[in-house]
Amino acid sequence: MSTTRQRRPHGSNANRSQVVVRVGPEIKAKIDRVADALAISQSAAFELIVEHIEVDANGRPSFYDGPLASDVNEELPLASSA
């Protein structure tokens, strides 16, 4: 059941940046579910989720253990120009 979401007060976006992301339908549904449950906007739900991500001294999420772009030592397949 969907609840009415609260909006931020007019003018409260003065010092805020816009972030545009594309996510799969399962992620969108999860953000919607959080927003609906807390009666907040999707952007407020996204902000709340990101605020709770712990990062290490290098800014990497503490839960991430996959390879980093800097760990991959491959050259880009660039075609040589004549």
Protein backbone atom coordinates (compact mmCIF):
# COMPACT_ATOMS: atom_id res chain seq x y z
CA MET A 1 0.00 0.00 0.00
CA SER A 2 1.43 3.34 -1.02
CA THR A 3 1.52 6.26 1.37
CA THR A 4 1.70 9.95 0.55
CA ARG A 5 5.32 10.98 0.30
CA GLN A 6 6.56 14.13 1.98
CA ARG A 7 8.21 16.75 -0.17
CA ARG A 8 11.08 18.94 0.91
CA PRO A 9 10.14 22.52 1.73
CA HIS A 10 10.31 25.04 -1.14
CA GLY A 11 13.82 26.45 -1.49
CA SER A 12 15.50 23.60 0.39
CA ASN A 13 17.37 22.48 -2.75
CA ALA A 14 19.58 25.59 -2.84
CA ASN A 15 22.80 23.78 -1.83
CA ARG A 16 22.01 20.39 -3.32
CA SER A 17 23.45 18.65 -6.39
CA GLN A 18 21.50 16.63 -8.90
CA VAL A 19 22.58 13.03 -9.52
CA VAL A 20 21.05 11.16 -12.43
CA VAL A 21 21.33 7.37 -12.31
CA ARG A 22 19.87 4.52 -14.32
CA VAL A 23 19.03 1.40 -12.35
CA GLY A 24 17.38 -1.90 -13.09
CA PRO A 25 13.73 -2.49 -12.23
CA GLU A 26 14.57 -4.46 -9.07
CA ILE A 27 16.64 -1.58 -7.66
CA LYS A 28 13.94 0.96 -8.59
CA ALA A 29 11.34 -1.20 -6.85
CA LYS A 30 13.51 -1.34 -3.73
CA ILE A 31 13.97 2.45 -3.65
CA ASP A 32 10.21 2.88 -4.15
CA ARG A 33 9.51 0.43 -1.33
CA VAL A 34 11.80 2.32 1.07
CA ALA A 35 10.35 5.69 0.01
CA ASP A 36 6.77 4.45 0.41
CA ALA A 37 7.44 2.82 3.79
CA LEU A 38 9.00 6.01 5.16
CA ALA A 39 6.66 8.40 3.30
CA ILE A 40 9.63 10.21 1.74
CA SER A 41 10.65 11.03 -1.81
CA GLN A 42 12.72 8.67 -3.93
CA SER A 43 15.66 11.08 -3.74
CA ALA A 44 15.40 11.25 0.06
CA ALA A 45 15.31 7.43 0.18
CA PHE A 46 18.38 7.22 -2.09
CA GLU A 47 20.19 9.79 0.07
CA LEU A 48 19.32 7.85 3.24
CA ILE A 49 20.63 4.60 1.76
CA VAL A 50 23.89 6.20 0.57
CA GLU A 51 24.43 7.90 3.95
CA HIS A 52 24.49 4.46 5.56
CA ILE A 53 27.22 3.02 3.32
CA GLU A 54 30.44 2.68 5.28
CA VAL A 55 33.56 3.56 3.30
CA ASP A 56 37.23 2.94 4.02
CA ALA A 57 40.03 5.52 3.96
CA ASN A 58 40.16 5.25 0.14
CA GLY A 59 36.43 5.88 -0.26
CA ARG A 60 35.66 2.26 -1.14
CA PRO A 61 32.50 0.70 0.29
CA SER A 62 33.37 -1.66 3.14
CA PHE A 63 31.17 -4.40 1.68
CA TYR A 64 32.88 -4.41 -1.75
CA ASP A 65 35.56 -7.02 -2.29
CA GLY A 66 35.66 -7.16 -6.08
CA PRO A 67 38.42 -6.01 -8.41
CA LEU A 68 39.12 -2.32 -8.92
CA ALA A 69 39.81 -0.68 -12.25
CA SER A 70 43.31 0.18 -11.00
CA ASP A 71 43.94 -3.51 -10.24
CA VAL A 72 43.36 -4.52 -13.86
CA ASN A 73 46.58 -4.14 -15.82
CA GLU A 74 45.24 -4.20 -19.35
CA GLU A 75 45.81 -1.81 -22.21
CA LEU A 76 42.85 -0.44 -24.06
CA PRO A 77 42.40 -1.98 -27.53
CA LEU A 78 42.97 1.24 -29.49
CA ALA A 79 43.35 1.06 -33.23
CA SER A 80 46.50 2.74 -34.52
CA SER A 81 45.99 5.66 -36.82
CA ALA A 82 47.84 5.95 -40.13
